[in-house]
Protein backbone atom coordinates (compact mmCIF):
# COMPACT_ATOMS: atom_id res chain seq x y z
CA UNK A 1 83.88 93.28 149.92
CA UNK A 2 84.69 94.41 146.45
CA UNK A 3 88.56 94.43 145.25
CA UNK A 4 89.08 96.82 142.27
CA UNK A 5 90.94 94.38 139.79
CA UNK A 6 92.94 96.73 137.77
CA UNK A 7 95.37 98.26 140.70
CA UNK A 8 98.53 96.38 140.90
CA UNK A 9 99.15 94.37 143.86
CA UNK A 10 102.36 92.46 145.42
CA UNK A 11 101.78 88.70 145.40
CA UNK A 12 103.37 85.58 146.48
CA UNK A 13 102.22 82.41 144.72
CA UNK A 14 102.51 78.96 146.28
CA UNK A 15 102.55 75.73 144.28
CA UNK A 16 101.60 72.68 145.78
CA UNK A 17 105.18 71.56 145.81
CA UNK A 18 105.74 74.08 148.25
CA UNK A 19 107.42 76.64 145.50
CA UNK A 20 107.56 80.19 146.31
CA UNK A 21 107.51 82.79 143.89
CA UNK A 22 106.54 86.88 143.91
CA UNK A 23 105.30 89.25 141.57
CA UNK A 24 103.05 92.24 141.01
CA UNK A 25 99.96 92.49 139.09
CA UNK A 26 96.25 93.88 138.77
CA UNK A 27 94.07 91.14 140.85
CA UNK A 28 92.73 89.95 137.38
CA UNK A 29 96.36 88.66 136.31
CA UNK A 30 96.86 87.12 139.46
CA UNK A 31 93.37 85.08 139.45
CA UNK A 32 94.29 83.96 135.71
CA UNK A 33 97.54 82.62 137.49
CA UNK A 34 95.20 80.79 140.29
CA UNK A 35 93.10 79.64 137.35
CA UNK A 36 95.63 78.32 134.63
CA UNK A 37 94.26 75.05 133.78
CA UNK A 38 91.91 74.31 136.71
CA UNK A 39 88.91 74.03 134.48
CA UNK A 40 85.72 75.62 135.07
CA UNK A 41 85.33 77.24 138.51
CA UNK A 42 85.51 80.23 139.97
CA UNK A 43 88.19 82.27 142.28
CA UNK A 44 87.61 82.38 145.90
CA UNK A 45 89.27 84.49 148.65
CA UNK A 46 89.84 84.96 152.30
CA UNK A 47 90.75 88.31 154.06
CA UNK A 48 93.08 87.69 156.73
CA UNK A 49 92.65 91.64 158.43
CA UNK A 50 91.13 89.86 161.72
CA UNK A 51 94.72 88.58 162.10
CA UNK A 52 96.38 91.64 162.34
CA UNK A 53 97.28 92.29 158.54
CA UNK A 54 95.50 92.88 155.31
CA UNK A 55 96.56 90.15 153.65
CA UNK A 56 94.00 88.05 151.09
CA UNK A 57 94.36 84.63 150.06
CA UNK A 58 93.29 83.53 146.64
CA UNK A 59 92.71 80.32 145.36
CA UNK A 60 90.33 78.53 142.67
CA UNK A 61 87.24 76.52 143.49
CA UNK A 62 86.25 74.51 140.66
CA UNK A 63 82.71 73.40 139.92
CA UNK A 64 83.38 69.99 139.06
CA UNK A 65 85.15 67.59 141.34
CA UNK A 66 88.62 68.90 142.14
CA UNK A 67 91.35 66.55 141.14
CA UNK A 68 94.39 68.68 141.39
CA UNK A 69 97.13 68.22 144.10
CA UNK A 70 96.27 69.29 147.51
CA UNK A 71 98.18 72.42 148.50
CA UNK A 72 99.34 71.56 151.97
CA UNK A 73 102.05 74.12 152.10
CA UNK A 74 99.47 77.10 151.37
CA UNK A 75 97.24 75.48 153.94
CA UNK A 76 99.83 75.54 156.49
CA UNK A 77 100.82 78.87 155.95
CA UNK A 78 97.11 80.12 156.28
CA UNK A 79 97.18 78.19 159.75
CA UNK A 80 100.51 80.18 160.35
CA UNK A 81 99.09 83.51 159.55
CA UNK A 82 95.64 83.19 161.41
CA UNK A 83 97.62 82.19 164.57
CA UNK A 84 96.12 84.79 167.79
CA UNK A 85 99.14 87.38 168.60
CA UNK A 86 97.72 86.96 172.11
CA UNK A 87 96.10 83.70 173.81
CA UNK A 88 92.75 85.91 174.41
CA UNK A 89 92.90 88.22 171.28
CA UNK A 90 89.33 88.62 170.62
CA UNK A 91 89.47 88.85 166.95
CA UNK A 92 91.51 85.41 166.88
CA UNK A 93 90.37 82.98 164.23
CA UNK A 94 88.25 79.85 165.52
CA UNK A 95 91.26 76.95 165.31
CA UNK A 96 88.61 75.06 163.29
CA UNK A 97 88.26 77.70 160.64
CA UNK A 98 91.80 78.08 160.78
CA UNK A 99 91.93 74.55 158.89
CA UNK A 100 91.66 75.21 155.17
CA UNK A 101 92.18 72.91 152.28
CA UNK A 102 93.02 74.36 149.30
CA UNK A 103 94.10 72.60 145.90
CA UNK A 104 96.73 73.99 143.21
CA UNK A 105 98.30 77.11 143.57
CA UNK A 106 97.17 79.62 145.62
CA UNK A 107 98.34 83.47 145.84
CA UNK A 108 99.08 85.40 149.12
CA UNK A 109 98.14 88.99 148.07
CA UNK A 110 99.35 92.31 150.17
CA UNK A 111 97.50 95.33 150.49
CA UNK A 112 99.58 98.65 151.34
CA UNK A 113 98.19 100.42 154.51
CA UNK A 114 99.19 103.21 156.74
CA UNK A 115 99.41 100.24 159.78
CA UNK A 116 101.40 97.60 157.98
CA UNK A 117 103.74 98.03 154.85
CA UNK A 118 103.97 95.68 152.25
CA UNK A 119 107.33 94.88 152.95
CA UNK A 120 106.57 93.86 156.53
CA UNK A 121 103.20 91.67 155.12
CA UNK A 122 105.65 89.99 152.37
CA UNK A 123 108.08 89.21 155.39
CA UNK A 124 105.17 87.85 157.30
CA UNK A 125 104.07 85.61 154.33
CA UNK A 126 107.52 84.54 153.64
CA UNK A 127 107.94 83.39 157.51
CA UNK A 128 104.86 81.70 157.50
CA UNK A 129 106.20 79.89 154.17
CA UNK A 130 109.21 78.84 156.10
CA UNK A 131 107.43 77.62 159.28
CA UNK A 132 105.03 75.24 157.21
CA UNK A 133 107.66 73.90 154.88
CA UNK A 134 109.70 73.01 157.65
CA UNK A 135 107.08 71.54 159.50
CA UNK A 136 105.54 69.61 156.43
CA UNK A 137 109.03 68.34 155.60
CA UNK A 138 109.39 67.09 159.22
CA UNK A 139 106.33 64.95 158.91
CA UNK A 140 107.43 63.62 155.45
CA UNK A 141 104.27 65.62 153.55
CA UNK A 142 106.95 67.07 151.62
CA UNK A 143 110.07 66.11 149.88
CA UNK A 144 113.27 67.15 151.41
CA UNK A 145 115.51 68.66 149.06
CA UNK A 146 118.16 66.67 147.61
CA UNK A 147 121.65 67.78 148.86
CA UNK A 148 124.14 68.19 146.42
CA UNK A 149 127.76 67.49 147.20
CA UNK A 150 129.85 70.24 148.17
CA UNK A 151 132.55 71.40 145.51
CA UNK A 152 135.87 70.31 146.24
CA UNK A 153 137.56 73.40 148.25
CA UNK A 154 140.22 75.29 146.34
CA UNK A 155 144.04 75.13 146.99
CA UNK A 156 145.27 77.58 149.15
CA UNK A 157 147.21 79.27 146.22
CA UNK A 158 144.19 79.15 143.96
CA UNK A 159 142.69 82.49 143.12
CA UNK A 160 138.72 82.34 144.35
CA UNK A 161 136.43 83.06 141.39
CA UNK A 162 133.25 84.20 142.01
CA UNK A 163 131.25 82.23 139.58
CA UNK A 164 131.95 80.53 136.44
CA UNK A 165 132.07 83.29 133.50
CA UNK A 166 134.14 84.92 130.95
CA UNK A 167 134.65 87.91 133.50
CA UNK A 168 134.22 87.84 137.24
CA UNK A 169 130.66 88.76 138.30
CA UNK A 170 128.97 87.80 135.03
CA UNK A 171 127.51 84.60 136.33
CA UNK A 172 126.25 86.49 139.37
CA UNK A 173 124.72 89.33 137.38
CA UNK A 174 122.98 86.08 135.18
CA UNK A 175 121.53 84.65 138.37
CA UNK A 176 120.06 88.29 139.32
CA UNK A 177 118.94 88.66 135.45
CA UNK A 178 117.16 85.08 135.89
CA UNK A 179 115.15 86.39 139.04
CA UNK A 180 114.10 89.37 137.41
CA UNK A 181 113.42 87.80 133.86
CA UNK A 182 110.74 85.49 135.76
CA UNK A 183 109.39 87.90 138.85
CA UNK A 184 109.47 91.28 136.90
CA UNK A 185 106.69 92.24 134.73
CA UNK A 186 104.55 95.36 135.51
CA UNK A 187 101.95 97.89 134.07
CA UNK A 188 101.85 101.72 134.41
CA UNK A 189 103.61 102.04 137.54
CA UNK A 190 105.33 105.11 138.54
CA UNK A 191 109.21 105.27 138.87
CA UNK A 192 109.27 105.14 142.35
CA UNK A 193 107.21 101.96 142.83
CA UNK A 194 109.63 100.51 139.88
CA UNK A 195 112.47 101.50 142.12
CA UNK A 196 110.59 99.77 144.92
CA UNK A 197 109.80 96.64 143.38
CA UNK A 198 113.50 96.13 141.86
CA UNK A 199 114.91 96.78 145.00
CA UNK A 200 112.44 93.96 146.76
CA UNK A 201 113.80 91.35 143.82
CA UNK A 202 117.25 92.22 144.50
CA UNK A 203 117.13 91.97 148.21
CA UNK A 204 115.19 88.58 148.16
CA UNK A 205 117.64 87.07 145.60
CA UNK A 206 120.66 88.39 147.54
CA UNK A 207 119.10 87.14 150.62
CA UNK A 208 118.47 83.76 149.03
CA UNK A 209 121.83 83.38 147.46
CA UNK A 210 124.08 83.92 150.98
CA UNK A 211 124.48 87.23 150.59
CA UNK A 212 123.93 89.86 153.33
CA UNK A 213 123.28 93.26 152.24
CA UNK A 214 122.92 97.18 153.31
CA UNK A 215 120.75 99.40 151.41
CA UNK A 216 122.25 102.81 150.93
CA UNK A 217 125.47 101.71 152.10
CA UNK A 218 128.01 104.43 152.04
CA UNK A 219 130.78 104.11 149.22
CA UNK A 220 134.65 104.38 149.50
CA UNK A 221 134.82 108.14 148.70
CA UNK A 222 132.23 110.27 150.45
CA UNK A 223 131.98 111.94 147.10
CA UNK A 224 130.22 109.19 145.58
CA UNK A 225 127.66 108.84 147.90
CA UNK A 226 126.03 105.71 148.45
CA UNK A 227 125.71 102.39 146.67
CA UNK A 228 122.06 101.19 146.22
CA UNK A 229 123.20 98.13 147.60
CA UNK A 230 126.26 96.57 149.46
CA UNK A 231 126.36 92.86 149.44
CA UNK A 232 128.63 90.62 151.47
CA UNK A 233 129.49 86.81 151.00
CA UNK A 234 131.84 84.64 153.50
CA UNK A 235 133.32 83.17 150.05
CA UNK A 236 133.07 86.06 147.50
CA UNK A 237 134.42 89.70 146.73
CA UNK A 238 131.51 92.07 148.03
CA UNK A 239 129.14 93.05 145.30
CA UNK A 240 127.62 96.73 144.76
CA UNK A 241 124.39 97.22 142.75
CA UNK A 242 123.16 100.60 141.31
CA UNK A 243 119.34 100.74 140.50
CA UNK A 244 118.95 103.66 137.93
CA UNK A 245 116.53 104.82 135.33
CA UNK A 246 118.87 107.35 133.64
CA UNK A 247 122.37 107.06 132.23
CA UNK A 248 124.42 109.30 134.42
CA UNK A 249 128.27 109.14 134.49
CA UNK A 250 128.49 109.69 137.85
CA UNK A 251 126.99 106.19 138.41
CA UNK A 252 129.30 104.47 135.78
CA UNK A 253 132.39 106.24 137.37
CA UNK A 254 131.04 105.07 140.74
CA UNK A 255 130.94 101.54 139.53
CA UNK A 256 134.15 101.51 137.68
CA UNK A 257 135.70 102.64 140.93
CA UNK A 258 134.11 100.03 143.04
CA UNK A 259 135.65 97.38 140.44
CA UNK A 260 138.98 98.88 140.81
CA UNK A 261 138.70 98.36 144.34
CA UNK A 262 138.03 94.47 143.95
CA UNK A 263 134.33 94.46 144.08
CA UNK A 264 131.83 93.06 141.61
CA UNK A 265 129.43 95.79 140.35
CA UNK A 266 126.27 95.58 138.65
CA UNK A 267 124.30 98.25 136.88
CA UNK A 268 120.72 97.61 136.84
CA UNK A 269 119.40 99.92 134.21
CA UNK A 270 115.60 99.74 134.06
CA UNK A 271 114.55 102.48 131.28
CA UNK A 272 115.74 103.92 128.39
CA UNK A 273 118.30 102.52 125.81
CA UNK A 274 121.52 100.49 127.03
CA UNK A 275 124.25 102.88 127.52
CA UNK A 276 126.88 103.06 124.44
CA UNK A 277 129.71 102.96 126.84
CA UNK A 278 130.04 100.42 130.20
CA UNK A 279 133.27 100.81 132.05
CA UNK A 280 135.50 97.91 132.09
CA UNK A 281 134.54 95.00 134.53
CA UNK A 282 131.12 96.45 135.10
CA UNK A 283 128.17 94.33 134.30
CA UNK A 284 124.95 95.61 133.08
CA UNK A 285 121.58 94.30 133.48
CA UNK A 286 119.27 96.16 131.10
CA UNK A 287 115.45 95.74 131.56
CA UNK A 288 113.39 96.96 128.51
CA UNK A 289 111.01 98.86 130.74
CA UNK A 290 109.10 101.66 128.26
CA UNK A 291 107.08 105.05 129.37
CA UNK A 292 103.36 104.16 129.54
CA UNK A 293 100.57 107.29 129.59
CA UNK A 294 100.70 109.64 132.15
CA UNK A 295 98.62 109.49 135.21
CA UNK A 296 98.47 113.27 136.12
CA UNK A 297 101.71 114.83 136.49
CA UNK A 298 103.50 111.37 136.95
CA UNK A 299 105.13 109.10 134.30
CA UNK A 300 104.52 105.55 134.78
CA UNK A 301 106.09 102.75 133.21
CA UNK A 302 105.41 99.33 131.76
CA UNK A 303 107.37 96.13 131.42
CA UNK A 304 105.67 93.23 129.42
CA UNK A 305 106.36 89.69 130.25
CA UNK A 306 107.96 89.40 126.78
CA UNK A 307 110.49 92.21 127.45
CA UNK A 308 111.69 90.89 130.85
CA UNK A 309 112.11 87.63 129.04
CA UNK A 310 114.64 89.64 126.93
CA UNK A 311 116.54 91.09 129.84
CA UNK A 312 120.24 91.56 128.34
CA UNK A 313 123.63 91.10 130.77
CA UNK A 314 126.44 92.77 129.06
CA UNK A 315 129.99 93.25 130.76
CA UNK A 316 132.04 96.21 130.26
CA UNK A 317 135.34 95.32 128.04
């Protein structure tokens, strides 16, 4: 089946050591990530539509003998994703065909459809990754992460600091910014898809770091409307995140009130210049997204890898 190479796709990349990262890019760029340093060969792919979702698996097949590390995690994910929903499912993959030997990095690419959303597909892929990694570690085929010794508990009278940093929340914002620098770069996306993309990355970061989050959570004052994200952690103050293209005074004031209420407040600005004034205690993460050519009546935006790497974190003084 022919797939357009210039249409941006959401993907999750799995390395042979089991690491999972996500991004959005045209298929051509995704294939470059799979092929990088692999020698001469061609990209192969398997459609999993028969398993009930429009996920495609991209990998690289060298022409010469393949000496790269076997990607047992990706192979295990393929097995999980092709498992039949029902025992008598007529579209179920033959068990022998569900066994696939992949080498090097492998990309699981999702495709937005009316039947299955990108969010649902990414959830399925992440769930398959968790199941595969858990099973492989139990068998000793993947190393178990080395447990770090727990830090000493604070004295009862000590004030719990959210993270190390000169200002409360600065280290937390740096952690989120590091994820944005690594995963967020795109070309010619409309504003609603940029916002969707950033929201997905923020949600994934929050979950991975032990936060429970609520989207569009009511602010403390009804006149302030809703917070884009309200995150809660058992050992840290509540965190609010606002994702904004513009530079609205109302957003700055809402975040300032959140800080005064004892929350950590992050202002994720993704277009335009950095605001001249940042409320005291509010942490700004600024992505240097630039407008691209119009697509009909819709303005589109681009963030290069170089610009993403320069994402700045500034604390209001």
